[in-house]
Amino acid sequence: MAVCYKKLWKLLIDKNLNKSDLRARTGISTTTIAKMGKDENVSMDVISKICATLSCDVGDIMEYVPDKAENS
């Protein structure tokens, strides 16, 4: 199972924000931002903070991407 945060990066651009702005507003660590940049899993607490800060829904910032092995 994998997640993709491309929607989050696009939303930041649309809101004229960058990753540093997101980190400052949410209080999440640079390590967590880096994990998201690599499409790695982060806690729901982090996702909740981002959604509250950006006034959006979980589906607005991430999506589930099935592994190729799951499709076989």
N, C-alpha and C. Protein backbone atom coordinates (compact mmCIF):
# COMPACT_ATOMS: atom_id res chain seq x y z
N MET A 1 0.84 -1.18 0.00
CA MET A 1 0.00 0.00 0.00
C MET A 1 0.89 1.24 0.00
N ALA A 2 0.51 2.21 -0.78
CA ALA A 2 1.27 3.44 -0.85
C ALA A 2 0.31 4.63 -0.88
N VAL A 3 0.84 5.74 -0.47
CA VAL A 3 0.08 6.99 -0.53
C VAL A 3 0.85 7.97 -1.40
N CYS A 4 0.12 8.92 -1.92
CA CYS A 4 0.72 9.94 -2.77
C CYS A 4 0.23 11.31 -2.28
N TYR A 5 1.17 12.23 -2.11
CA TYR A 5 0.84 13.56 -1.60
C TYR A 5 0.90 14.63 -2.68
N LYS A 6 0.84 14.25 -3.94
CA LYS A 6 0.89 15.24 -5.02
C LYS A 6 -0.21 16.28 -4.89
N LYS A 7 -1.38 15.86 -4.42
CA LYS A 7 -2.49 16.80 -4.24
C LYS A 7 -2.13 17.88 -3.21
N LEU A 8 -1.40 17.50 -2.17
CA LEU A 8 -0.99 18.47 -1.15
C LEU A 8 -0.06 19.51 -1.76
N TRP A 9 0.93 19.07 -2.53
CA TRP A 9 1.89 20.02 -3.10
C TRP A 9 1.18 20.96 -4.08
N LYS A 10 0.22 20.44 -4.83
CA LYS A 10 -0.54 21.30 -5.74
C LYS A 10 -1.39 22.29 -4.95
N LEU A 11 -2.01 21.83 -3.87
CA LEU A 11 -2.83 22.71 -3.04
C LEU A 11 -1.99 23.84 -2.44
N LEU A 12 -0.78 23.52 -2.01
CA LEU A 12 0.11 24.56 -1.48
C LEU A 12 0.39 25.61 -2.54
N ILE A 13 0.66 25.18 -3.76
CA ILE A 13 0.91 26.12 -4.86
C ILE A 13 -0.33 26.98 -5.09
N ASP A 14 -1.50 26.35 -5.12
CA ASP A 14 -2.74 27.09 -5.33
C ASP A 14 -2.99 28.14 -4.24
N LYS A 15 -2.53 27.84 -3.01
CA LYS A 15 -2.72 28.76 -1.90
C LYS A 15 -1.51 29.68 -1.72
N ASN A 16 -0.59 29.64 -2.67
CA ASN A 16 0.61 30.48 -2.65
C ASN A 16 1.44 30.25 -1.38
N LEU A 17 1.59 28.97 -1.02
CA LEU A 17 2.38 28.57 0.15
C LEU A 17 3.48 27.63 -0.29
N ASN A 18 4.49 27.47 0.55
CA ASN A 18 5.52 26.48 0.28
C ASN A 18 5.63 25.53 1.48
N LYS A 19 6.53 24.56 1.38
CA LYS A 19 6.65 23.56 2.44
C LYS A 19 7.06 24.19 3.77
N SER A 20 7.89 25.22 3.73
CA SER A 20 8.31 25.89 4.96
C SER A 20 7.13 26.58 5.62
N ASP A 21 6.26 27.19 4.82
CA ASP A 21 5.06 27.81 5.36
C ASP A 21 4.18 26.77 6.04
N LEU A 22 4.02 25.63 5.38
CA LEU A 22 3.20 24.55 5.94
C LEU A 22 3.78 24.08 7.27
N ARG A 23 5.08 23.89 7.30
CA ARG A 23 5.74 23.44 8.53
C ARG A 23 5.55 24.44 9.65
N ALA A 24 5.71 25.71 9.35
CA ALA A 24 5.56 26.76 10.37
C ALA A 24 4.13 26.84 10.89
N ARG A 25 3.16 26.72 10.01
CA ARG A 25 1.75 26.85 10.41
C ARG A 25 1.23 25.64 11.17
N THR A 26 1.75 24.46 10.86
CA THR A 26 1.25 23.23 11.48
C THR A 26 2.10 22.76 12.65
N GLY A 27 3.36 23.15 12.66
CA GLY A 27 4.26 22.68 13.71
C GLY A 27 4.82 21.29 13.46
N ILE A 28 4.62 20.77 12.25
CA ILE A 28 5.18 19.44 11.95
C ILE A 28 6.66 19.59 11.60
N SER A 29 7.41 18.53 11.79
CA SER A 29 8.86 18.59 11.63
C SER A 29 9.30 18.55 10.17
N THR A 30 10.54 18.97 9.95
CA THR A 30 11.11 18.90 8.60
C THR A 30 11.25 17.44 8.17
N THR A 31 11.48 16.56 9.13
CA THR A 31 11.59 15.13 8.82
C THR A 31 10.26 14.60 8.27
N THR A 32 9.17 15.04 8.87
CA THR A 32 7.84 14.61 8.41
C THR A 32 7.56 15.16 7.02
N ILE A 33 7.92 16.41 6.76
CA ILE A 33 7.75 17.00 5.43
C ILE A 33 8.56 16.20 4.42
N ALA A 34 9.78 15.82 4.80
CA ALA A 34 10.64 15.02 3.91
C ALA A 34 10.01 13.67 3.61
N LYS A 35 9.43 13.02 4.64
CA LYS A 35 8.77 11.73 4.44
C LYS A 35 7.62 11.89 3.45
N MET A 36 6.87 12.97 3.58
CA MET A 36 5.75 13.20 2.67
C MET A 36 6.26 13.47 1.26
N GLY A 37 7.39 14.12 1.16
CA GLY A 37 7.99 14.37 -0.15
C GLY A 37 8.39 13.09 -0.86
N LYS A 38 8.63 12.04 -0.07
CA LYS A 38 8.98 10.73 -0.61
C LYS A 38 7.77 9.80 -0.68
N ASP A 39 6.58 10.36 -0.45
CA ASP A 39 5.33 9.59 -0.44
C ASP A 39 5.35 8.45 0.57
N GLU A 40 5.93 8.71 1.74
CA GLU A 40 5.94 7.74 2.82
C GLU A 40 4.77 8.02 3.76
N ASN A 41 4.40 7.02 4.54
CA ASN A 41 3.29 7.17 5.47
C ASN A 41 3.65 8.10 6.61
N VAL A 42 2.68 8.90 7.03
CA VAL A 42 2.81 9.74 8.22
C VAL A 42 1.57 9.51 9.08
N SER A 43 1.62 9.97 10.32
CA SER A 43 0.51 9.70 11.24
C SER A 43 -0.73 10.50 10.86
N MET A 44 -1.86 10.01 11.32
CA MET A 44 -3.12 10.71 11.09
C MET A 44 -3.14 12.04 11.84
N ASP A 45 -2.38 12.15 12.91
CA ASP A 45 -2.28 13.41 13.63
C ASP A 45 -1.70 14.48 12.70
N VAL A 46 -0.69 14.13 11.96
CA VAL A 46 -0.08 15.06 11.00
C VAL A 46 -1.09 15.43 9.92
N ILE A 47 -1.76 14.43 9.37
CA ILE A 47 -2.76 14.68 8.33
C ILE A 47 -3.86 15.60 8.85
N SER A 48 -4.29 15.36 10.09
CA SER A 48 -5.34 16.19 10.70
C SER A 48 -4.88 17.64 10.85
N LYS A 49 -3.64 17.84 11.29
CA LYS A 49 -3.11 19.20 11.44
C LYS A 49 -3.07 19.92 10.10
N ILE A 50 -2.65 19.22 9.06
CA ILE A 50 -2.58 19.82 7.73
C ILE A 50 -3.97 20.19 7.24
N CYS A 51 -4.92 19.27 7.39
CA CYS A 51 -6.29 19.54 6.94
C CYS A 51 -6.90 20.71 7.70
N ALA A 52 -6.68 20.79 8.99
CA ALA A 52 -7.21 21.90 9.78
C ALA A 52 -6.58 23.22 9.35
N THR A 53 -5.29 23.20 9.10
CA THR A 53 -4.58 24.42 8.71
C THR A 53 -5.00 24.91 7.33
N LEU A 54 -5.18 23.98 6.41
CA LEU A 54 -5.52 24.35 5.03
C LEU A 54 -7.02 24.36 4.77
N SER A 55 -7.80 24.06 5.79
CA SER A 55 -9.27 23.99 5.66
C SER A 55 -9.68 23.09 4.50
N CYS A 56 -9.22 21.86 4.56
CA CYS A 56 -9.51 20.91 3.49
C CYS A 56 -9.79 19.54 4.07
N ASP A 57 -10.10 18.60 3.20
CA ASP A 57 -10.39 17.23 3.57
C ASP A 57 -9.18 16.35 3.26
N VAL A 58 -9.11 15.17 3.86
CA VAL A 58 -8.00 14.25 3.64
C VAL A 58 -7.82 13.96 2.15
N GLY A 59 -8.92 13.75 1.44
CA GLY A 59 -8.86 13.46 0.02
C GLY A 59 -8.34 14.61 -0.83
N ASP A 60 -8.28 15.80 -0.25
CA ASP A 60 -7.75 16.95 -0.96
C ASP A 60 -6.23 17.01 -0.93
N ILE A 61 -5.60 16.24 -0.02
CA ILE A 61 -4.15 16.33 0.12
C ILE A 61 -3.41 15.03 -0.15
N MET A 62 -4.14 13.93 -0.19
CA MET A 62 -3.47 12.65 -0.42
C MET A 62 -4.40 11.67 -1.12
N GLU A 63 -3.80 10.63 -1.70
CA GLU A 63 -4.60 9.57 -2.30
C GLU A 63 -3.90 8.24 -2.12
N TYR A 64 -4.67 7.21 -2.09
CA TYR A 64 -4.17 5.84 -1.98
C TYR A 64 -3.76 5.35 -3.35
N VAL A 65 -2.57 4.78 -3.44
CA VAL A 65 -2.08 4.22 -4.69
C VAL A 65 -1.79 2.75 -4.45
N PRO A 66 -2.58 1.86 -5.04
CA PRO A 66 -2.37 0.43 -4.80
C PRO A 66 -1.02 -0.04 -5.36
N ASP A 67 -0.39 -0.96 -4.64
CA ASP A 67 0.86 -1.56 -5.13
C ASP A 67 0.56 -2.38 -6.37
N LYS A 68 1.54 -2.48 -7.25
CA LYS A 68 1.34 -3.25 -8.48
C LYS A 68 1.04 -4.70 -8.18
N ALA A 69 1.63 -5.23 -7.09
CA ALA A 69 1.39 -6.63 -6.72
C ALA A 69 -0.06 -6.86 -6.31
N GLU A 70 -0.71 -5.81 -5.76
CA GLU A 70 -2.11 -5.95 -5.35
C GLU A 70 -3.04 -6.03 -6.55
N ASN A 71 -2.60 -5.51 -7.68
CA ASN A 71 -3.43 -5.51 -8.88
C ASN A 71 -3.38 -6.83 -9.62
N SER A 72 -2.40 -7.66 -9.30
CA SER A 72 -2.24 -8.93 -10.02
C SER A 72 -3.18 -9.99 -9.54
